[in-house]
Amino acid sequence: MTTRVFTSPLFLGFDHLEQIIERAAKTSSDGYPPYNIEQLSTTSLRITIAVAGFIMDDLQITQEDNQLVIRGRQNDDTQGRIFLHRGIAARQFQRAFVLAEGIDVKGAWLDNGLLHIDLIRPLPEARIKTIAIEKGAHTPSGFATPRSFDAELPKRTSHQHVREKE
């Protein structure tokens, strides 16, 4: 079920943002592996994921469009070993984070079982654009005639289509 977030007619072109919110809501609520998100400054963030038992070759970080995806897959090295108790799971995982436009991955490193991923969000530049107002054609009532993009196209009647085919 899709719930519209931006119902006001003043929000134009936010369909993409609604899709991002919907995708984020669908992401798995599985708590494995646990993670932290820190704000280091006004322009930088750090995601820290607990990946005890994983080595660098077991981990993969990709940025797919506006999604940061972290995957972990351990090789099963338990052959020939007998466990009396196995409380440390060697399971694979996938953790995804939806990134806002403009956020870039600065780098990642593995330290003491923690995977750190630094993100940077540059401050947006102020954009001011002046839009020229053109004088339009006036009707006898004094109001401008609405312009249509189709107005520039030549209009044909069905009778003209028949003559052109002959």
Protein backbone atom coordinates (compact mmCIF):
# COMPACT_ATOMS: atom_id res chain seq x y z
CA MET A 1 0.00 0.00 0.00
CA THR A 2 1.41 3.37 -1.00
CA THR A 3 0.74 6.26 1.35
CA ARG A 4 1.21 9.70 -0.11
CA VAL A 5 3.38 11.87 2.12
CA PHE A 6 3.33 15.08 0.12
CA THR A 7 -0.38 15.61 -0.42
CA SER A 8 -0.22 19.37 -0.80
CA PRO A 9 -0.36 20.64 -4.39
CA LEU A 10 2.50 22.98 -3.45
CA PHE A 11 4.98 20.04 -3.40
CA LEU A 12 5.83 19.54 -7.06
CA GLY A 13 8.14 16.77 -8.24
CA PHE A 14 8.50 14.94 -4.93
CA ASP A 15 7.40 11.56 -6.31
CA HIS A 16 11.01 10.36 -6.25
CA LEU A 17 11.33 11.29 -2.57
CA GLU A 18 8.16 9.36 -1.75
CA GLN A 19 9.63 6.30 -3.48
CA ILE A 20 12.78 6.62 -1.35
CA ILE A 21 10.72 6.83 1.83
CA GLU A 22 8.72 3.78 0.77
CA ARG A 23 11.93 1.84 0.02
CA ALA A 24 13.36 2.75 3.42
CA ALA A 25 10.20 1.54 5.13
CA LYS A 26 10.50 -1.82 3.38
CA THR A 27 14.09 -2.46 4.44
CA SER A 28 14.61 -5.32 6.81
CA SER A 29 14.15 -4.60 10.48
CA ASP A 30 16.56 -7.44 11.32
CA GLY A 31 18.90 -6.25 14.06
CA TYR A 32 21.93 -8.10 12.67
CA PRO A 33 24.50 -6.79 12.49
CA PRO A 34 24.08 -3.95 14.98
CA TYR A 35 25.19 -0.50 13.87
CA ASN A 36 25.62 3.09 15.00
CA ILE A 37 25.22 6.29 13.00
CA GLU A 38 27.18 9.30 14.27
CA GLN A 39 27.08 12.89 13.13
CA LEU A 40 30.71 14.00 13.13
CA SER A 41 30.04 17.53 11.88
CA THR A 42 27.38 19.43 9.98
CA THR A 43 28.64 17.86 6.75
CA SER A 44 29.85 14.40 7.77
CA LEU A 45 28.40 11.18 9.15
CA ARG A 46 29.89 7.84 10.18
CA ILE A 47 28.19 4.47 10.08
CA THR A 48 29.81 1.88 12.37
CA ILE A 49 28.75 -1.76 11.97
CA ALA A 50 29.74 -4.57 14.35
CA VAL A 51 31.19 -7.30 12.12
CA ALA A 52 33.08 -9.47 14.61
CA GLY A 53 34.57 -12.52 12.93
CA PHE A 54 34.55 -11.01 9.45
CA ILE A 55 37.74 -10.16 7.59
CA MET A 56 38.02 -7.57 4.81
CA ASP A 57 37.65 -10.22 2.10
CA ASP A 58 34.29 -11.25 3.63
CA LEU A 59 32.83 -7.73 3.33
CA GLN A 60 31.58 -5.77 0.33
CA ILE A 61 30.35 -2.17 0.24
CA THR A 62 28.54 -0.85 -2.82
CA GLN A 63 26.62 2.29 -3.64
CA GLU A 64 23.69 1.40 -5.87
CA ASP A 65 21.99 4.60 -7.01
CA ASN A 66 20.98 6.24 -3.75
CA GLN A 67 21.44 3.16 -1.59
CA LEU A 68 24.53 2.17 0.38
CA VAL A 69 24.61 -1.62 0.64
CA ILE A 70 26.94 -3.52 2.97
CA ARG A 71 27.17 -7.29 2.50
CA GLY A 72 29.00 -9.80 4.63
CA ARG A 73 29.63 -13.44 3.75
CA GLN A 74 31.94 -15.65 5.79
CA ASN A 75 33.52 -18.79 4.45
CA ASP A 76 32.50 -21.89 6.37
CA ASP A 77 35.75 -23.08 7.95
CA THR A 78 34.13 -25.46 10.44
CA GLN A 79 35.04 -28.65 8.60
CA GLY A 80 36.91 -30.98 10.91
CA ARG A 81 35.96 -28.95 13.98
CA ILE A 82 33.65 -30.20 16.72
CA PHE A 83 31.73 -27.54 18.62
CA LEU A 84 30.36 -28.30 22.09
CA HIS A 85 28.54 -24.95 21.90
CA ARG A 86 28.28 -22.61 18.94
CA GLY A 87 27.13 -19.15 19.99
CA ILE A 88 29.07 -17.17 17.38
CA ALA A 89 27.07 -17.42 14.22
CA ALA A 90 28.84 -17.38 10.87
CA ARG A 91 25.92 -16.02 8.94
CA GLN A 92 25.76 -13.72 6.00
CA PHE A 93 24.09 -10.34 6.11
CA GLN A 94 23.02 -7.43 3.99
CA ARG A 95 22.42 -4.00 5.48
CA ALA A 96 21.15 -1.15 3.28
CA PHE A 97 20.97 2.59 3.97
CA VAL A 98 19.07 5.03 1.76
CA LEU A 99 21.25 8.07 1.02
CA ALA A 100 19.97 11.52 0.21
CA GLU A 101 21.11 13.04 -3.06
CA GLY A 102 24.52 14.60 -2.75
CA ILE A 103 25.82 12.33 0.01
CA ASP A 104 29.09 10.65 -0.98
CA VAL A 105 31.03 7.81 0.60
CA LYS A 106 34.36 9.24 1.74
CA GLY A 107 35.95 5.95 2.82
CA ALA A 108 35.69 2.78 4.89
CA TRP A 109 37.98 0.82 7.21
CA LEU A 110 37.86 -2.25 9.44
CA ASP A 111 39.21 -1.98 12.97
CA ASN A 112 38.80 -4.42 15.90
CA GLY A 113 35.66 -6.03 14.50
CA LEU A 114 34.02 -2.72 13.62
CA LEU A 115 33.45 -1.56 10.05
CA HIS A 116 33.47 2.23 9.80
CA ILE A 117 32.05 4.04 6.77
CA ASP A 118 32.45 7.82 6.52
CA LEU A 119 29.94 9.82 4.53
CA ILE A 120 30.14 13.45 3.51
CA ARG A 121 27.32 15.80 2.65
CA PRO A 122 28.67 18.99 1.09
CA LEU A 123 26.69 22.09 1.93
CA PRO A 124 24.46 23.03 -1.00
CA GLU A 125 25.24 26.19 -2.85
CA ALA A 126 22.58 28.87 -2.68
CA ARG A 127 20.85 29.06 -6.04
CA ILE A 128 18.86 32.09 -7.03
CA LYS A 129 17.44 32.25 -10.51
CA THR A 130 15.45 35.14 -11.92
CA ILE A 131 12.70 34.10 -14.31
CA ALA A 132 11.88 36.55 -17.10
CA ILE A 133 8.22 37.40 -17.54
CA GLU A 134 7.14 37.77 -21.13
CA LYS A 135 4.32 39.91 -22.38
CA GLY A 136 1.55 37.64 -23.63
CA ALA A 137 -1.24 38.08 -26.15
CA HIS A 138 -4.31 39.76 -24.69
CA THR A 139 -7.91 38.90 -25.29
CA PRO A 140 -10.62 41.56 -25.59
CA SER A 141 -11.39 41.01 -21.91
CA GLY A 142 -7.87 42.13 -21.02
CA PHE A 143 -6.68 38.77 -19.68
CA ALA A 144 -3.81 36.90 -21.27
CA THR A 145 -4.63 33.87 -23.34
CA PRO A 146 -3.18 30.74 -21.74
CA ARG A 147 -0.25 29.39 -23.73
CA SER A 148 -0.02 25.75 -24.57
CA PHE A 149 3.05 23.90 -25.71
CA ASP A 150 0.85 22.30 -28.34
CA ALA A 151 0.05 25.74 -29.75
CA GLU A 152 3.21 25.69 -31.86
CA LEU A 153 2.21 22.41 -33.56
CA PRO A 154 0.17 22.69 -36.79
CA LYS A 155 -3.39 21.56 -36.26
CA ARG A 156 -4.92 19.09 -38.70
CA THR A 157 -8.46 18.01 -39.14
CA SER A 158 -9.42 14.45 -39.91
CA HIS A 159 -10.32 15.70 -43.43
CA GLN A 160 -6.71 16.85 -43.97
CA HIS A 161 -5.38 13.44 -42.92
CA VAL A 162 -7.48 11.77 -45.58
CA ARG A 163 -6.26 14.11 -48.32
CA GLU A 164 -2.62 13.59 -47.37
CA LYS A 165 -2.98 9.82 -47.70
CA GLU A 166 -4.43 10.08 -51.24
